[in-house]
Protein backbone atom coordinates (compact mmCIF):
# COMPACT_ATOMS: atom_id res chain seq x y z
CA MET A 1 106.88 34.29 66.86
CA MET A 2 106.86 36.54 69.93
CA ALA A 3 108.68 33.93 71.98
CA ARG A 4 111.36 33.71 69.31
CA LEU A 5 111.72 37.52 69.52
CA LEU A 6 111.82 37.75 73.13
CA GLY A 7 113.78 34.57 73.83
CA ALA A 8 113.60 32.72 77.15
CA LYS A 9 115.64 35.14 79.27
CA PRO A 10 113.81 38.50 78.44
CA VAL A 11 110.44 36.72 79.23
CA VAL A 12 111.86 35.56 82.54
CA LEU A 13 113.14 39.07 83.13
CA VAL A 14 109.66 40.51 82.31
CA ALA A 15 108.08 38.10 84.68
CA GLY A 16 110.39 39.00 87.39
CA MET A 17 109.77 42.75 86.91
CA VAL A 18 106.09 42.06 87.08
CA LEU A 19 106.40 40.11 90.33
CA ALA A 20 108.69 42.75 91.82
CA THR A 21 106.05 45.37 91.14
CA ALA A 22 103.42 43.29 92.76
CA ASN A 23 105.44 42.80 95.66
CA ALA A 24 106.13 46.61 95.96
CA HIS A 25 102.24 47.04 96.24
CA ALA A 26 101.83 44.29 98.84
CA ALA A 27 99.52 44.84 101.64
CA CYS A 28 100.74 46.87 104.71
CA PRO A 29 100.24 45.52 108.24
CA ILE A 30 98.12 47.74 110.46
CA GLU A 31 101.03 48.30 112.81
CA LEU A 32 103.02 50.03 110.06
CA ALA A 33 100.20 51.94 108.35
CA VAL A 34 100.02 55.66 107.76
CA TYR A 35 96.82 57.34 107.35
CA GLY A 36 96.07 61.04 106.31
CA ASP A 37 93.21 63.47 106.59
CA ALA A 38 92.78 65.62 103.49
CA GLN A 39 90.87 68.35 105.27
CA SER A 40 93.49 69.34 107.69
CA GLY A 41 96.60 67.46 106.62
CA SER A 42 96.58 65.55 109.96
CA GLU A 43 98.18 62.04 109.99
CA ILE A 44 97.82 58.86 111.97
CA ASP A 45 100.90 56.70 112.33
CA PHE A 46 100.61 53.24 113.69
CA THR A 47 103.37 51.67 115.62
CA PRO A 48 103.94 48.12 116.92
CA THR A 49 102.49 47.70 120.24
CA GLY A 50 104.88 45.25 121.71
CA THR A 51 103.65 42.46 124.16
CA SER A 52 100.83 44.37 125.91
CA ALA A 53 98.04 42.12 127.23
CA VAL A 54 95.43 44.93 126.94
CA VAL A 55 96.57 47.43 124.31
CA THR A 56 96.02 45.97 120.85
CA ASN A 57 97.12 48.95 118.70
CA SER A 58 99.33 51.99 119.22
CA PHE A 59 99.33 55.11 117.20
CA ARG A 60 100.07 58.79 117.29
CA MET A 61 98.04 61.59 115.51
CA ILE A 62 100.26 64.37 114.21
CA LEU A 63 98.32 67.74 113.85
CA ASP A 64 99.56 71.07 112.70
CA ASN A 65 101.74 73.28 114.87
CA ASN A 66 103.59 69.99 115.65
CA VAL A 67 101.06 68.91 118.09
CA VAL A 68 101.23 65.23 118.65
CA LEU A 69 98.57 62.99 120.23
CA ASN A 70 99.33 59.61 121.51
CA GLY A 71 96.75 56.87 120.96
CA ILE A 72 95.98 53.45 121.99
CA VAL A 73 93.33 50.95 121.32
CA MET A 74 91.98 48.28 123.81
CA TRP A 75 89.23 45.94 122.88
CA SER A 76 86.38 46.02 125.35
CA SER A 77 85.09 42.62 126.76
CA GLY A 78 81.49 41.49 126.47
CA GLU A 79 80.34 43.31 123.22
CA ALA A 80 83.81 43.31 121.68
CA ARG A 81 84.79 46.81 120.27
CA PRO A 82 88.09 48.44 119.48
CA ASN A 83 88.02 51.42 121.86
CA GLY A 84 90.49 54.14 120.84
CA SER A 85 91.85 56.91 123.05
CA LEU A 86 93.80 60.08 122.01
CA MET A 87 95.80 61.55 124.81
CA TYR A 88 97.81 64.93 125.04
CA LYS A 89 100.43 65.64 127.55
CA CYS A 90 99.43 63.08 130.03
CA PRO A 91 101.57 62.59 133.09
CA GLU A 92 103.85 59.54 133.28
CA GLY A 93 104.09 56.83 135.70
CA ASP A 94 101.35 55.95 138.20
CA VAL A 95 98.28 57.99 136.88
CA THR A 96 95.01 58.41 138.60
CA GLY A 97 91.71 58.02 136.73
CA GLY A 98 91.03 61.89 136.99
CA GLU A 99 94.59 62.69 135.59
CA LEU A 100 93.97 60.25 132.76
CA ALA A 101 90.52 61.69 132.04
CA ALA A 102 91.84 65.32 131.98
CA CYS A 103 94.49 64.56 129.25
CA THR A 104 92.23 62.36 127.27
CA LEU A 105 90.99 64.48 124.17
CA TRP A 106 89.01 61.70 122.48
CA ASN A 107 87.76 58.16 122.93
CA GLY A 108 85.46 56.00 120.89
CA VAL A 109 85.16 53.02 118.74
CA ILE A 110 87.32 52.96 115.66
CA TYR A 111 85.57 51.74 112.55
CA THR A 112 87.17 50.84 109.10
CA SER A 113 85.78 50.92 105.54
CA ASP A 114 87.03 49.03 102.39
CA ASP A 115 87.01 50.01 98.80
CA LYS A 116 83.42 48.77 98.48
CA GLY A 117 82.14 50.78 101.44
CA ALA A 118 81.77 47.75 103.95
CA ILE A 119 82.12 48.85 107.46
CA GLY A 120 84.23 47.00 110.06
CA LEU A 121 86.07 47.31 113.12
CA LEU A 122 89.81 48.20 113.48
CA PRO A 123 91.87 44.98 113.49
CA ALA A 124 94.60 44.25 115.94
CA GLN A 125 98.37 43.95 114.90
CA GLY A 126 99.35 41.33 112.40
CA VAL A 127 96.33 42.00 110.01
CA ASP A 128 96.50 44.09 106.66
CA ALA A 129 95.61 47.79 107.08
CA PRO A 130 92.13 48.81 106.08
CA LYS A 131 91.65 51.46 103.41
CA THR A 132 90.00 53.90 105.68
CA LEU A 133 89.65 54.66 109.39
CA ILE A 134 86.57 56.32 110.87
CA LEU A 135 86.86 57.96 114.31
CA PRO A 136 83.33 59.16 115.12
CA ASP A 137 83.01 62.82 116.66
CA LEU A 138 86.77 63.14 116.45
CA GLY A 139 86.70 66.74 114.85
CA PRO A 140 84.17 68.30 117.45
CA SER A 141 85.90 66.49 120.39
CA LEU A 142 89.25 67.88 119.37
CA ARG A 143 87.87 71.44 118.78
CA ARG A 144 86.63 71.50 122.33
CA SER A 145 89.94 70.38 123.72
CA LEU A 146 92.54 72.50 125.60
CA ALA A 147 95.03 71.58 122.76
CA TYR A 148 93.01 73.61 120.14
CA GLY A 149 93.77 77.15 119.39
CA GLY A 150 96.47 79.38 121.02
CA SER A 151 99.83 77.60 120.92
CA GLY A 152 98.03 74.33 119.99
CA PHE A 153 96.77 73.00 116.84
CA SER A 154 94.53 75.12 114.58
CA LYS A 155 93.19 72.81 111.83
CA VAL A 156 90.56 70.37 112.96
CA PRO A 157 90.72 67.01 111.32
CA SER A 158 87.71 65.21 109.96
CA ASP A 159 86.45 61.96 111.35
CA VAL A 160 87.69 59.98 108.26
CA PHE A 161 91.42 59.11 107.49
CA THR A 162 92.63 57.27 104.38
CA LEU A 163 95.51 55.04 104.00
CA LYS A 164 98.42 56.90 102.64
CA GLY A 165 101.38 54.43 102.94
CA CYS A 166 103.32 52.06 104.99
CA GLN A 167 106.33 52.66 107.15
CA GLU A 168 109.26 50.46 106.45
């Protein structure tokens, strides 16, 4: 009876609308993911890394007062871990280890969590973005940095960022 009322064409139309809705909510690759911190309003935006042999992920953290930190992830050898670094106003070009250390505000392993609370490691590009990022000790490290206070940022993010969306 319902098939006679709807006819073949409307059923196809409804099926197409359901499929389009499902595609609109398709998974986002990590290199296009946007994460947010509810505590401070800070955001993490991932970007495609390109063809780097050592950097597996690139991102930026946007804090209040238009402070932007540049981030990279490199997987360690041996005990494989995604080691992230957040840098602020690093010099360009040939940089010494001391100069790099002076402009690095945070570094550590980046963990992830799914809807069920399972903990994992940040994936490289080409993989679906995890639901949650965990950057251990991020807040205290940033509070101790030279970019905090004065003309820098004033709202310290937590260590947990939740997936907000996907860049297009």
